[in-house]
Amino acid sequence: MNPEKISLYFYRGLLYFYLHQFFEALLDLDFAVEKDDEPHTNYYLAWGRCFACLSMFPEAVKDLTAAVTLDEDCLEGFFNWGKCAYLLGDTPLAFLDF
């Protein structure tokens, strides 16, 4: 694959995510997030969801925070952010997100 086609890495990462191959998904999503000049909400949302599926909740919260910072109307980001905060034991943050 061509590194200039960053969106292809994102879409392949999504395919890996839906196939429950989370580590492979993280590699492609990491490449897409790091190499893209302009941050995208969907990239951070997918990245955060992968970390959440691997029970890596602090990393998930960090990336979901980036997603909702980029787009304050990203309801899926707030929902997943709240779930991860709850699973980390941060109930006040979870209630704030929900």
C-alpha atoms as a PDB file:
ATOM      1  CA  MET A   1       0.000   0.000   0.000  1.00  0.00           C
ATOM      2  CA  ASN A   2       1.076   3.525  -0.710  1.00  0.00           C
ATOM      3  CA  PRO A   3       1.776   5.692   2.368  1.00  0.00           C
ATOM      4  CA  GLU A   4       0.314   8.624   0.449  1.00  0.00           C
ATOM      5  CA  LYS A   5      -3.106   6.933   0.559  1.00  0.00           C
ATOM      6  CA  ILE A   6      -3.649   7.377   4.278  1.00  0.00           C
ATOM      7  CA  SER A   7      -7.394   6.805   4.124  1.00  0.00           C
ATOM      8  CA  LEU A   8      -6.777   3.265   2.839  1.00  0.00           C
ATOM      9  CA  TYR A   9      -4.964   2.456   6.069  1.00  0.00           C
ATOM     10  CA  PHE A  10      -7.929   3.829   8.010  1.00  0.00           C
ATOM     11  CA  TYR A  11     -10.409   1.681   6.091  1.00  0.00           C
ATOM     12  CA  ARG A  12      -8.252  -1.421   6.366  1.00  0.00           C
ATOM     13  CA  GLY A  13      -8.004  -0.727  10.096  1.00  0.00           C
ATOM     14  CA  LEU A  14     -11.795  -0.608  10.281  1.00  0.00           C
ATOM     15  CA  LEU A  15     -12.010  -3.944   8.482  1.00  0.00           C
ATOM     16  CA  TYR A  16      -9.587  -5.472  10.978  1.00  0.00           C
ATOM     17  CA  PHE A  17     -11.627  -3.942  13.804  1.00  0.00           C
ATOM     18  CA  TYR A  18     -14.866  -5.503  12.577  1.00  0.00           C
ATOM     19  CA  LEU A  19     -13.067  -8.831  12.162  1.00  0.00           C
ATOM     20  CA  HIS A  20     -11.981  -8.517  15.827  1.00  0.00           C
ATOM     21  CA  GLN A  21      -8.304  -8.356  14.858  1.00  0.00           C
ATOM     22  CA  PHE A  22      -7.665  -5.404  17.138  1.00  0.00           C
ATOM     23  CA  PHE A  23      -3.864  -5.381  17.139  1.00  0.00           C
ATOM     24  CA  GLU A  24      -3.748  -5.312  13.335  1.00  0.00           C
ATOM     25  CA  ALA A  25      -6.396  -2.601  13.368  1.00  0.00           C
ATOM     26  CA  LEU A  26      -4.324  -0.526  15.777  1.00  0.00           C
ATOM     27  CA  LEU A  27      -1.298  -0.695  13.496  1.00  0.00           C
ATOM     28  CA  ASP A  28      -3.218   0.681  10.524  1.00  0.00           C
ATOM     29  CA  LEU A  29      -5.153   3.245  12.547  1.00  0.00           C
ATOM     30  CA  ASP A  30      -1.967   4.387  14.247  1.00  0.00           C
ATOM     31  CA  PHE A  31      -0.374   4.933  10.851  1.00  0.00           C
ATOM     32  CA  ALA A  32      -3.424   6.874   9.618  1.00  0.00           C
ATOM     33  CA  VAL A  33      -3.550   9.114  12.701  1.00  0.00           C
ATOM     34  CA  GLU A  34       0.183   9.784  12.788  1.00  0.00           C
ATOM     35  CA  LYS A  35       0.703  10.417   9.066  1.00  0.00           C
ATOM     36  CA  ASP A  36      -2.375  12.488   8.262  1.00  0.00           C
ATOM     37  CA  ASP A  37      -1.748  16.228   8.226  1.00  0.00           C
ATOM     38  CA  GLU A  38      -5.252  17.094   9.384  1.00  0.00           C
ATOM     39  CA  PRO A  39      -6.736  15.208  12.351  1.00  0.00           C
ATOM     40  CA  HIS A  40     -10.037  13.424  11.731  1.00  0.00           C
ATOM     41  CA  THR A  41     -12.634  12.618  14.343  1.00  0.00           C
ATOM     42  CA  ASN A  42     -13.342   9.191  12.861  1.00  0.00           C
ATOM     43  CA  TYR A  43      -9.682   8.197  13.046  1.00  0.00           C
ATOM     44  CA  TYR A  44      -9.491   8.953  16.772  1.00  0.00           C
ATOM     45  CA  LEU A  45     -12.894   7.391  17.394  1.00  0.00           C
ATOM     46  CA  ALA A  46     -11.854   4.119  15.755  1.00  0.00           C
ATOM     47  CA  TRP A  47      -8.494   4.190  17.516  1.00  0.00           C
ATOM     48  CA  GLY A  48     -10.179   4.697  20.896  1.00  0.00           C
ATOM     49  CA  ARG A  49     -12.697   1.936  20.275  1.00  0.00           C
ATOM     50  CA  CYS A  50      -9.880  -0.499  19.447  1.00  0.00           C
ATOM     51  CA  PHE A  51      -8.127   0.313  22.698  1.00  0.00           C
ATOM     52  CA  ALA A  52     -11.418  -0.119  24.563  1.00  0.00           C
ATOM     53  CA  CYS A  53     -11.956  -3.556  23.024  1.00  0.00           C
ATOM     54  CA  LEU A  54      -8.506  -4.536  24.248  1.00  0.00           C
ATOM     55  CA  SER A  55      -9.392  -3.237  27.756  1.00  0.00           C
ATOM     56  CA  MET A  56      -6.753  -0.534  27.444  1.00  0.00           C
ATOM     57  CA  PHE A  57      -9.068   2.075  28.915  1.00  0.00           C
ATOM     58  CA  PRO A  58      -6.619   4.928  29.691  1.00  0.00           C
ATOM     59  CA  GLU A  59      -5.465   4.907  26.057  1.00  0.00           C
ATOM     60  CA  ALA A  60      -9.069   4.674  24.890  1.00  0.00           C
ATOM     61  CA  VAL A  61     -10.092   7.681  26.990  1.00  0.00           C
ATOM     62  CA  LYS A  62      -7.177   9.696  25.595  1.00  0.00           C
ATOM     63  CA  ASP A  63      -8.151   9.009  21.970  1.00  0.00           C
ATOM     64  CA  LEU A  64     -11.878   9.405  22.566  1.00  0.00           C
ATOM     65  CA  THR A  65     -11.115  12.740  24.223  1.00  0.00           C
ATOM     66  CA  ALA A  66      -9.347  13.787  21.040  1.00  0.00           C
ATOM     67  CA  ALA A  67     -12.353  12.663  18.970  1.00  0.00           C
ATOM     68  CA  VAL A  68     -14.898  14.674  20.959  1.00  0.00           C
ATOM     69  CA  THR A  69     -12.552  17.657  21.081  1.00  0.00           C
ATOM     70  CA  LEU A  70     -12.415  17.687  17.291  1.00  0.00           C
ATOM     71  CA  ASP A  71     -16.190  17.276  16.951  1.00  0.00           C
ATOM     72  CA  GLU A  72     -18.373  18.255  19.899  1.00  0.00           C
ATOM     73  CA  ASP A  73     -21.375  16.612  18.189  1.00  0.00           C
ATOM     74  CA  CYS A  74     -19.731  13.169  18.095  1.00  0.00           C
ATOM     75  CA  LEU A  75     -22.295  11.290  20.178  1.00  0.00           C
ATOM     76  CA  GLU A  76     -20.624   7.927  19.670  1.00  0.00           C
ATOM     77  CA  GLY A  77     -17.412   9.413  21.026  1.00  0.00           C
ATOM     78  CA  PHE A  78     -19.127  10.689  24.172  1.00  0.00           C
ATOM     79  CA  PHE A  79     -20.921   7.365  24.665  1.00  0.00           C
ATOM     80  CA  ASN A  80     -17.725   5.315  24.389  1.00  0.00           C
ATOM     81  CA  TRP A  81     -15.820   7.872  26.459  1.00  0.00           C
ATOM     82  CA  GLY A  82     -18.408   7.519  29.224  1.00  0.00           C
ATOM     83  CA  LYS A  83     -18.248   3.722  29.147  1.00  0.00           C
ATOM     84  CA  CYS A  84     -14.463   3.737  29.395  1.00  0.00           C
ATOM     85  CA  ALA A  85     -14.511   6.299  32.207  1.00  0.00           C
ATOM     86  CA  TYR A  86     -16.996   4.127  34.101  1.00  0.00           C
ATOM     87  CA  LEU A  87     -14.849   1.023  33.601  1.00  0.00           C
ATOM     88  CA  LEU A  88     -11.858   2.969  34.934  1.00  0.00           C
ATOM     89  CA  GLY A  89     -13.859   3.822  38.050  1.00  0.00           C
ATOM     90  CA  ASP A  90     -14.227   7.513  37.203  1.00  0.00           C
ATOM     91  CA  THR A  91     -17.962   7.723  37.819  1.00  0.00           C
ATOM     92  CA  PRO A  92     -18.202  11.560  37.848  1.00  0.00           C
ATOM     93  CA  LEU A  93     -16.597  11.749  34.387  1.00  0.00           C
ATOM     94  CA  ALA A  94     -18.851   8.949  33.147  1.00  0.00           C
ATOM     95  CA  PHE A  95     -21.996  10.781  34.317  1.00  0.00           C
ATOM     96  CA  LEU A  96     -20.715  13.983  32.763  1.00  0.00           C
ATOM     97  CA  ASP A  97     -20.343  12.226  29.393  1.00  0.00           C
ATOM     98  CA  PHE A  98     -23.727  10.510  29.514  1.00  0.00           C
END
